[in-house]
Amino acid sequence: MKNLFKTNDIKGYIFIRLILGYVFLVAGLQKFIFPENMGPGRFADMGFPFPEFTAYFVGFFETIGGLFILFGFASRLAAIPLIITMIVAIITTKFPQLSDGFWGFAHSARLDISMLLTALFVLVNGSDKNSIDNKLFDK
């Protein structure tokens, strides 16, 4: 359990947490603020079953996960649903674009892949010395 909240000494790590937390927080909130373009309407257009439930479910985890990572609270745990979200997003919305060629896919998937890899980095490394995890658990 102690390793779950263990923090690291990577210099500049706070910038990883800030960008990842910010991107997921904004993406999650937009599903609630702009339901037609970013939430259930978009999920329905993509063919997801139960688009209202699915959009708000994803939006909830993106918002909470983004906040937790921003503040460095249970960052490893918060990264898990975000990683799953990005894998599903890449498979369902980006892989189909491979039929138009690799470079179109690569361009379209660049943010999703960046978010996935950054979330994996947080899963491996936890939080940093500027985090709630450090203040609560690294004593």
Protein backbone atom coordinates (compact mmCIF):
# COMPACT_ATOMS: atom_id res chain seq x y z
CA MET A 1 0.00 0.00 0.00
CA LYS A 2 2.87 2.36 0.81
CA ASN A 3 4.23 2.03 -2.75
CA LEU A 4 0.86 3.08 -4.13
CA PHE A 5 1.31 6.59 -2.70
CA LYS A 6 5.11 6.78 -2.90
CA THR A 7 6.30 9.99 -4.53
CA ASN A 8 9.38 10.73 -6.64
CA ASP A 9 12.12 13.34 -6.96
CA ILE A 10 11.98 13.90 -10.72
CA LYS A 11 12.78 17.56 -11.34
CA GLY A 12 10.02 19.33 -13.24
CA TYR A 13 7.58 16.48 -12.66
CA ILE A 14 4.92 18.93 -11.53
CA PHE A 15 4.62 20.07 -15.16
CA ILE A 16 3.61 16.53 -16.19
CA ARG A 17 0.92 16.51 -13.52
CA LEU A 18 -0.29 19.99 -14.43
CA ILE A 19 -0.68 19.32 -18.15
CA LEU A 20 -2.23 15.87 -17.75
CA GLY A 21 -4.59 17.02 -15.00
CA TYR A 22 -5.57 20.14 -16.94
CA VAL A 23 -6.30 18.31 -20.21
CA PHE A 24 -8.44 15.64 -18.53
CA LEU A 25 -10.23 18.15 -16.28
CA VAL A 26 -11.17 20.30 -19.28
CA ALA A 27 -12.18 17.30 -21.40
CA GLY A 28 -14.33 15.91 -18.60
CA LEU A 29 -16.08 19.18 -17.79
CA GLN A 30 -16.84 19.84 -21.46
CA LYS A 31 -18.91 16.66 -21.60
CA PHE A 32 -21.26 18.25 -19.06
CA ILE A 33 -21.07 21.87 -20.28
CA PHE A 34 -21.47 21.11 -24.01
CA PRO A 35 -23.59 17.92 -24.09
CA GLU A 36 -24.46 18.10 -27.80
CA ASN A 37 -20.92 18.67 -29.10
CA MET A 38 -18.76 16.96 -26.46
CA GLY A 39 -21.08 14.79 -24.38
CA PRO A 40 -24.02 12.50 -25.16
CA GLY A 41 -24.59 14.06 -28.60
CA ARG A 42 -21.06 13.29 -29.70
CA PHE A 43 -21.15 9.81 -28.17
CA ALA A 44 -24.43 9.11 -30.02
CA ASP A 45 -22.87 10.30 -33.30
CA MET A 46 -19.96 7.89 -32.72
CA GLY A 47 -22.40 5.02 -32.22
CA PHE A 48 -21.81 4.35 -28.53
CA PRO A 49 -24.60 2.40 -26.82
CA PHE A 50 -26.30 4.37 -24.04
CA PRO A 51 -24.59 7.62 -25.10
CA GLU A 52 -25.94 9.69 -22.21
CA PHE A 53 -24.72 7.27 -19.57
CA THR A 54 -21.43 6.61 -21.36
CA ALA A 55 -20.59 10.29 -21.92
CA TYR A 56 -21.30 11.31 -18.34
CA PHE A 57 -19.55 8.22 -16.96
CA VAL A 58 -16.41 9.07 -18.94
CA GLY A 59 -16.78 12.77 -18.12
CA PHE A 60 -16.99 12.00 -14.40
CA PHE A 61 -13.77 9.96 -14.41
CA GLU A 62 -11.96 12.49 -16.60
CA THR A 63 -12.97 15.35 -14.29
CA ILE A 64 -12.18 13.57 -11.01
CA GLY A 65 -9.02 11.94 -12.38
CA GLY A 66 -7.85 15.27 -13.77
CA LEU A 67 -8.38 16.99 -10.42
CA PHE A 68 -6.66 14.22 -8.47
CA ILE A 69 -3.63 14.32 -10.77
CA LEU A 70 -3.53 18.13 -10.73
CA PHE A 71 -3.27 18.12 -6.95
CA GLY A 72 -1.23 14.93 -6.75
CA PHE A 73 -3.74 12.96 -4.73
CA ALA A 74 -3.81 9.18 -5.36
CA SER A 75 -2.25 9.88 -8.75
CA ARG A 76 -1.51 6.26 -9.57
CA LEU A 77 -5.10 5.24 -8.88
CA ALA A 78 -6.46 8.26 -10.76
CA ALA A 79 -4.36 7.37 -13.80
CA ILE A 80 -5.95 3.93 -14.24
CA PRO A 81 -9.41 4.99 -15.50
CA LEU A 82 -7.76 7.70 -17.62
CA ILE A 83 -5.55 5.09 -19.29
CA ILE A 84 -8.59 2.92 -19.97
CA THR A 85 -10.45 5.94 -21.37
CA MET A 86 -7.62 6.74 -23.76
CA ILE A 87 -7.24 3.15 -24.95
CA VAL A 88 -10.97 2.97 -25.70
CA ALA A 89 -10.87 6.39 -27.40
CA ILE A 90 -7.96 5.38 -29.62
CA ILE A 91 -9.52 2.05 -30.56
CA THR A 92 -13.02 3.39 -31.24
CA THR A 93 -12.32 6.81 -32.75
CA LYS A 94 -8.79 6.73 -34.16
CA PHE A 95 -8.13 3.19 -35.45
CA PRO A 96 -10.96 3.47 -38.00
CA GLN A 97 -9.06 6.40 -39.53
CA LEU A 98 -6.23 4.03 -40.49
CA SER A 99 -8.29 3.17 -43.56
CA ASP A 100 -7.49 6.69 -44.82
CA GLY A 101 -3.76 6.11 -44.31
CA PHE A 102 -1.25 6.13 -41.50
CA TRP A 103 -0.48 9.86 -41.48
CA GLY A 104 -4.10 10.88 -41.12
CA PHE A 105 -4.39 8.47 -38.20
CA ALA A 106 -1.10 9.72 -36.70
CA HIS A 107 -2.26 13.32 -36.89
CA SER A 108 -5.69 12.58 -35.47
CA ALA A 109 -4.40 10.37 -32.65
CA ARG A 110 -1.50 12.54 -31.51
CA LEU A 111 -3.29 14.08 -28.50
CA ASP A 112 -4.85 10.77 -27.45
CA ILE A 113 -1.51 8.97 -27.64
CA SER A 114 0.22 11.79 -25.72
CA MET A 115 -2.42 11.63 -23.00
CA LEU A 116 -2.18 7.83 -22.83
CA LEU A 117 1.60 7.84 -22.51
CA THR A 118 1.58 10.66 -19.96
CA ALA A 119 -1.03 8.85 -17.88
CA LEU A 120 1.14 5.71 -18.04
CA PHE A 121 4.07 7.81 -16.83
CA VAL A 122 2.00 8.97 -13.84
CA LEU A 123 0.90 5.38 -13.15
CA VAL A 124 4.55 4.28 -13.02
CA ASN A 125 5.92 7.28 -11.09
CA GLY A 126 3.07 8.37 -8.82
CA SER A 127 3.17 11.96 -7.66
CA ASP A 128 6.04 14.26 -6.85
CA LYS A 129 7.27 16.20 -3.84
CA ASN A 130 4.78 19.02 -4.60
CA SER A 131 1.76 16.77 -4.12
CA ILE A 132 -0.87 15.94 -1.55
CA ASP A 133 0.40 12.35 -1.64
CA ASN A 134 3.80 13.57 -0.47
CA LYS A 135 2.32 15.61 2.37
CA LEU A 136 0.04 12.78 3.54
CA PHE A 137 2.04 9.61 2.91
CA ASP A 138 5.78 10.29 2.57
CA LYS A 139 6.53 10.78 6.22
